[in-house]
PDB file of N, CA and C in Angstrom:
ATOM      1  N   MET A   1      97.709 120.945  61.463  1.00  0.00           N
ATOM      2  CA  MET A   1      98.286 119.678  61.437  1.00  0.00           C
ATOM      3  C   MET A   1      98.787 119.352  62.885  1.00  0.00           C
ATOM      4  N   VAL A   2      98.961 118.021  63.151  1.00  0.00           N
ATOM      5  CA  VAL A   2      99.363 117.590  64.364  1.00  0.00           C
ATOM      6  C   VAL A   2     100.853 117.326  64.306  1.00  0.00           C
ATOM      7  N   ASN A   3     101.630 117.804  65.320  1.00  0.00           N
ATOM      8  CA  ASN A   3     103.036 117.552  65.262  1.00  0.00           C
ATOM      9  C   ASN A   3     103.328 116.480  66.299  1.00  0.00           C
ATOM     10  N   ASN A   4     103.645 115.213  65.735  1.00  0.00           N
ATOM     11  CA  ASN A   4     103.864 114.099  66.572  1.00  0.00           C
ATOM     12  C   ASN A   4     105.417 113.856  66.889  1.00  0.00           C
ATOM     13  N   SER A   5     106.251 114.744  66.673  1.00  0.00           N
ATOM     14  CA  SER A   5     107.598 114.586  66.791  1.00  0.00           C
ATOM     15  C   SER A   5     108.104 114.731  68.283  1.00  0.00           C
ATOM     16  N   GLY A   6     107.257 115.275  69.112  1.00  0.00           N
ATOM     17  CA  GLY A   6     107.599 115.388  70.484  1.00  0.00           C
ATOM     18  C   GLY A   6     108.350 116.743  70.799  1.00  0.00           C
ATOM     19  N   GLN A   7     108.636 117.498  69.748  1.00  0.00           N
ATOM     20  CA  GLN A   7     109.280 118.721  69.947  1.00  0.00           C
ATOM     21  C   GLN A   7     108.339 119.993  70.048  1.00  0.00           C
ATOM     22  N   GLY A   8     107.101 119.684  69.736  1.00  0.00           N
ATOM     23  CA  GLY A   8     106.225 120.798  69.986  1.00  0.00           C
ATOM     24  C   GLY A   8     106.376 121.666  68.672  1.00  0.00           C
ATOM     25  N   SER A   9     106.355 123.061  68.873  1.00  0.00           N
ATOM     26  CA  SER A   9     106.486 124.045  67.763  1.00  0.00           C
ATOM     27  C   SER A   9     107.867 124.579  67.775  1.00  0.00           C
ATOM     28  N   SER A  10     108.801 124.017  68.553  1.00  0.00           N
ATOM     29  CA  SER A  10     110.162 124.637  68.518  1.00  0.00           C
ATOM     30  C   SER A  10     110.934 124.121  67.257  1.00  0.00           C
ATOM     31  N   LYS A  11     111.692 124.952  66.757  1.00  0.00           N
ATOM     32  CA  LYS A  11     112.461 124.640  65.533  1.00  0.00           C
ATOM     33  C   LYS A  11     113.874 124.138  65.929  1.00  0.00           C
ATOM     34  N   ARG A  12     114.297 123.161  65.188  1.00  0.00           N
ATOM     35  CA  ARG A  12     115.780 122.748  65.434  1.00  0.00           C
ATOM     36  C   ARG A  12     116.728 123.604  64.643  1.00  0.00           C
ATOM     37  N   ARG A  13     117.802 123.909  65.309  1.00  0.00           N
ATOM     38  CA  ARG A  13     118.786 124.661  64.683  1.00  0.00           C
ATOM     39  C   ARG A  13     120.032 123.869  64.518  1.00  0.00           C
ATOM     40  N   TYR A  14     120.446 123.714  63.274  1.00  0.00           N
ATOM     41  CA  TYR A  14     121.563 122.972  62.949  1.00  0.00           C
ATOM     42  C   TYR A  14     122.860 123.835  62.846  1.00  0.00           C
ATOM     43  N   MET A  15     123.842 123.467  63.547  1.00  0.00           N
ATOM     44  CA  MET A  15     125.088 124.262  63.387  1.00  0.00           C
ATOM     45  C   MET A  15     126.085 123.563  62.365  1.00  0.00           C
ATOM     46  N   SER A  16     126.195 124.289  61.238  1.00  0.00           N
ATOM     47  CA  SER A  16     127.121 123.710  60.240  1.00  0.00           C
ATOM     48  C   SER A  16     128.481 124.046  60.555  1.00  0.00           C
ATOM     49  N   GLU A  17     129.440 123.087  60.382  1.00  0.00           N
ATOM     50  CA  GLU A  17     130.761 123.407  60.648  1.00  0.00           C
ATOM     51  C   GLU A  17     131.621 122.880  59.444  1.00  0.00           C
ATOM     52  N   ILE A  18     132.721 123.523  59.044  1.00  0.00           N
ATOM     53  CA  ILE A  18     133.529 123.085  58.015  1.00  0.00           C
ATOM     54  C   ILE A  18     134.491 122.040  58.545  1.00  0.00           C
ATOM     55  N   ASN A  19     134.560 120.936  57.799  1.00  0.00           N
ATOM     56  CA  ASN A  19     135.550 119.931  58.205  1.00  0.00           C
ATOM     57  C   ASN A  19     136.895 120.347  57.632  1.00  0.00           C
ATOM     58  N   VAL A  20     137.875 120.672  58.480  1.00  0.00           N
ATOM     59  CA  VAL A  20     139.094 121.229  57.996  1.00  0.00           C
ATOM     60  C   VAL A  20     140.200 120.153  57.794  1.00  0.00           C
ATOM     61  N   THR A  21     139.937 118.929  58.169  1.00  0.00           N
ATOM     62  CA  THR A  21     140.839 117.864  57.960  1.00  0.00           C
ATOM     63  C   THR A  21     141.248 117.601  56.470  1.00  0.00           C
ATOM     64  N   PRO A  22     140.350 117.579  55.507  1.00  0.00           N
ATOM     65  CA  PRO A  22     140.739 117.446  54.097  1.00  0.00           C
ATOM     66  C   PRO A  22     141.552 118.650  53.677  1.00  0.00           C
ATOM     67  N   LEU A  23     141.112 119.846  54.177  1.00  0.00           N
ATOM     68  CA  LEU A  23     141.805 121.057  53.808  1.00  0.00           C
ATOM     69  C   LEU A  23     143.250 121.035  54.246  1.00  0.00           C
ATOM     70  N   VAL A  24     143.467 120.600  55.452  1.00  0.00           N
ATOM     71  CA  VAL A  24     144.928 120.447  55.955  1.00  0.00           C
ATOM     72  C   VAL A  24     145.637 119.493  55.139  1.00  0.00           C
ATOM     73  N   ASP A  25     145.029 118.385  54.767  1.00  0.00           N
ATOM     74  CA  ASP A  25     145.705 117.380  53.940  1.00  0.00           C
ATOM     75  C   ASP A  25     146.173 117.923  52.615  1.00  0.00           C
ATOM     76  N   VAL A  26     145.307 118.659  51.921  1.00  0.00           N
ATOM     77  CA  VAL A  26     145.581 119.190  50.642  1.00  0.00           C
ATOM     78  C   VAL A  26     146.721 120.273  50.796  1.00  0.00           C
ATOM     79  N   VAL A  27     146.697 121.025  51.851  1.00  0.00           N
ATOM     80  CA  VAL A  27     147.728 122.103  52.081  1.00  0.00           C
ATOM     81  C   VAL A  27     149.081 121.385  52.316  1.00  0.00           C
ATOM     82  N   ILE A  28     149.158 120.338  53.043  1.00  0.00           N
ATOM     83  CA  ILE A  28     150.334 119.609  53.296  1.00  0.00           C
ATOM     84  C   ILE A  28     150.920 119.010  52.030  1.00  0.00           C
ATOM     85  N   VAL A  29     150.092 118.428  51.211  1.00  0.00           N
ATOM     86  CA  VAL A  29     150.439 117.875  49.981  1.00  0.00           C
ATOM     87  C   VAL A  29     151.076 118.891  49.032  1.00  0.00           C
ATOM     88  N   LEU A  30     150.361 120.034  48.934  1.00  0.00           N
ATOM     89  CA  LEU A  30     150.864 121.152  48.069  1.00  0.00           C
ATOM     90  C   LEU A  30     152.176 121.733  48.613  1.00  0.00           C
ATOM     91  N   LEU A  31     152.411 121.794  49.895  1.00  0.00           N
ATOM     92  CA  LEU A  31     153.635 122.141  50.455  1.00  0.00           C
ATOM     93  C   LEU A  31     154.756 121.290  50.166  1.00  0.00           C
ATOM     94  N   ILE A  32     154.515 119.940  50.251  1.00  0.00           N
ATOM     95  CA  ILE A  32     155.532 118.916  50.001  1.00  0.00           C
ATOM     96  C   ILE A  32     155.836 119.029  48.464  1.00  0.00           C
ATOM     97  N   ILE A  33     154.911 119.218  47.527  1.00  0.00           N
ATOM     98  CA  ILE A  33     155.145 119.219  46.126  1.00  0.00           C
ATOM     99  C   ILE A  33     155.983 120.524  45.822  1.00  0.00           C
ATOM    100  N   PHE A  34     155.739 121.593  46.540  1.00  0.00           N
ATOM    101  CA  PHE A  34     156.336 122.825  46.341  1.00  0.00           C
ATOM    102  C   PHE A  34     157.814 122.729  46.782  1.00  0.00           C
ATOM    103  N   MET A  35     157.938 122.045  48.011  1.00  0.00           N
ATOM    104  CA  MET A  35     159.379 121.963  48.469  1.00  0.00           C
ATOM    105  C   MET A  35     160.205 120.949  47.580  1.00  0.00           C
ATOM    106  N   VAL A  36     159.547 120.037  46.940  1.00  0.00           N
ATOM    107  CA  VAL A  36     160.345 119.164  46.007  1.00  0.00           C
ATOM    108  C   VAL A  36     160.658 119.876  44.699  1.00  0.00           C
ATOM    109  N   ALA A  37     159.655 120.692  44.189  1.00  0.00           N
ATOM    110  CA  ALA A  37     159.765 121.333  42.988  1.00  0.00           C
ATOM    111  C   ALA A  37     160.671 122.620  42.939  1.00  0.00           C
ATOM    112  N   ALA A  38     160.706 123.229  44.047  1.00  0.00           N
ATOM    113  CA  ALA A  38     161.467 124.571  44.123  1.00  0.00           C
ATOM    114  C   ALA A  38     162.994 124.396  43.868  1.00  0.00           C
ATOM    115  N   PRO A  39     163.697 123.352  44.427  1.00  0.00           N
ATOM    116  CA  PRO A  39     165.007 123.294  44.015  1.00  0.00           C
ATOM    117  C   PRO A  39     165.301 122.980  42.585  1.00  0.00           C
ATOM    118  N   MET A  40     164.375 122.209  41.971  1.00  0.00           N
ATOM    119  CA  MET A  40     164.437 121.883  40.493  1.00  0.00           C
ATOM    120  C   MET A  40     164.376 123.140  39.640  1.00  0.00           C
ATOM    121  N   MET A  41     163.600 124.084  40.060  1.00  0.00           N
ATOM    122  CA  MET A  41     163.308 125.245  39.286  1.00  0.00           C
ATOM    123  C   MET A  41     164.647 126.203  39.200  1.00  0.00           C
ATOM    124  N   THR A  42     165.435 126.130  40.211  1.00  0.00           N
ATOM    125  CA  THR A  42     166.745 127.005  40.177  1.00  0.00           C
ATOM    126  C   THR A  42     167.680 126.429  39.302  1.00  0.00           C
ATOM    127  N   LYS A  43     167.731 125.171  39.071  1.00  0.00           N
ATOM    128  CA  LYS A  43     168.800 124.557  38.172  1.00  0.00           C
ATOM    129  C   LYS A  43     168.234 124.701  36.705  1.00  0.00           C
ATOM    130  N   GLY A  44     169.207 125.016  35.886  1.00  0.00           N
ATOM    131  CA  GLY A  44     168.807 125.158  34.519  1.00  0.00           C
ATOM    132  C   GLY A  44     169.323 123.929  33.682  1.00  0.00           C
ATOM    133  N   LEU A  45     168.919 123.959  32.427  1.00  0.00           N
ATOM    134  CA  LEU A  45     169.394 122.966  31.493  1.00  0.00           C
ATOM    135  C   LEU A  45     170.241 123.652  30.372  1.00  0.00           C
ATOM    136  N   ASP A  46     171.483 123.147  30.203  1.00  0.00           N
ATOM    137  CA  ASP A  46     172.241 123.754  29.211  1.00  0.00           C
ATOM    138  C   ASP A  46     171.659 123.376  27.865  1.00  0.00           C
ATOM    139  N   VAL A  47     171.366 124.479  27.083  1.00  0.00           N
ATOM    140  CA  VAL A  47     170.889 124.216  25.767  1.00  0.00           C
ATOM    141  C   VAL A  47     171.779 124.940  24.716  1.00  0.00           C
ATOM    142  N   LYS A  48     172.248 124.243  23.739  1.00  0.00           N
ATOM    143  CA  LYS A  48     173.165 124.879  22.742  1.00  0.00           C
ATOM    144  C   LYS A  48     172.193 125.227  21.624  1.00  0.00           C
ATOM    145  N   LEU A  49     171.950 126.566  21.461  1.00  0.00           N
ATOM    146  CA  LEU A  49     171.127 127.060  20.313  1.00  0.00           C
ATOM    147  C   LEU A  49     171.947 127.070  18.961  1.00  0.00           C
ATOM    148  N   PRO A  50     171.300 126.872  17.845  1.00  0.00           N
ATOM    149  CA  PRO A  50     172.024 126.884  16.649  1.00  0.00           C
ATOM    150  C   PRO A  50     172.244 128.375  16.222  1.00  0.00           C
ATOM    151  N   GLU A  51     173.354 128.454  15.524  1.00  0.00           N
ATOM    152  CA  GLU A  51     173.717 129.756  15.039  1.00  0.00           C
ATOM    153  C   GLU A  51     172.826 130.137  13.773  1.00  0.00           C
ATOM    154  N   THR A  52     172.542 131.408  13.668  1.00  0.00           N
ATOM    155  CA  THR A  52     171.652 131.854  12.529  1.00  0.00           C
ATOM    156  C   THR A  52     172.523 132.415  11.420  1.00  0.00           C
ATOM    157  N   THR A  53     172.109 132.309  10.201  1.00  0.00           N
ATOM    158  CA  THR A  53     172.752 132.953   9.082  1.00  0.00           C
ATOM    159  C   THR A  53     172.010 134.133   8.532  1.00  0.00           C
ATOM    160  N   ALA A  54     170.845 134.363   9.055  1.00  0.00           N
ATOM    161  CA  ALA A  54     169.983 135.360   8.543  1.00  0.00           C
ATOM    162  C   ALA A  54     170.559 136.738   8.944  1.00  0.00           C
ATOM    163  N   LYS A  55     170.275 137.836   8.054  1.00  0.00           N
ATOM    164  CA  LYS A  55     170.642 139.188   8.350  1.00  0.00           C
ATOM    165  C   LYS A  55     169.629 139.712   9.300  1.00  0.00           C
ATOM    166  N   SER A  56     170.072 140.669  10.079  1.00  0.00           N
ATOM    167  CA  SER A  56     169.235 141.343  11.043  1.00  0.00           C
ATOM    168  C   SER A  56     168.284 142.279  10.216  1.00  0.00           C
ATOM    169  N   LEU A  57     167.090 142.443  10.752  1.00  0.00           N
ATOM    170  CA  LEU A  57     166.147 143.419  10.106  1.00  0.00           C
ATOM    171  C   LEU A  57     166.553 144.900  10.318  1.00  0.00           C
ATOM    172  N   PRO A  58     166.234 145.730   9.374  1.00  0.00           N
ATOM    173  CA  PRO A  58     166.560 147.149   9.451  1.00  0.00           C
ATOM    174  C   PRO A  58     165.741 147.893  10.517  1.00  0.00           C
TER     175      PRO A  58
END
């Protein structure tokens, strides 16, 4: 076959690179969510549980 691309028989090499911008965006959003949620996890909610009348098991 005739190669009309002007490159002859040389092969093109493509260098693939990972785009890190979306990765950085996701990491920043997760960091913000963690920073907002962490103080809420230390605070508890006072719950008054009902007293039981059942006898304990032997």
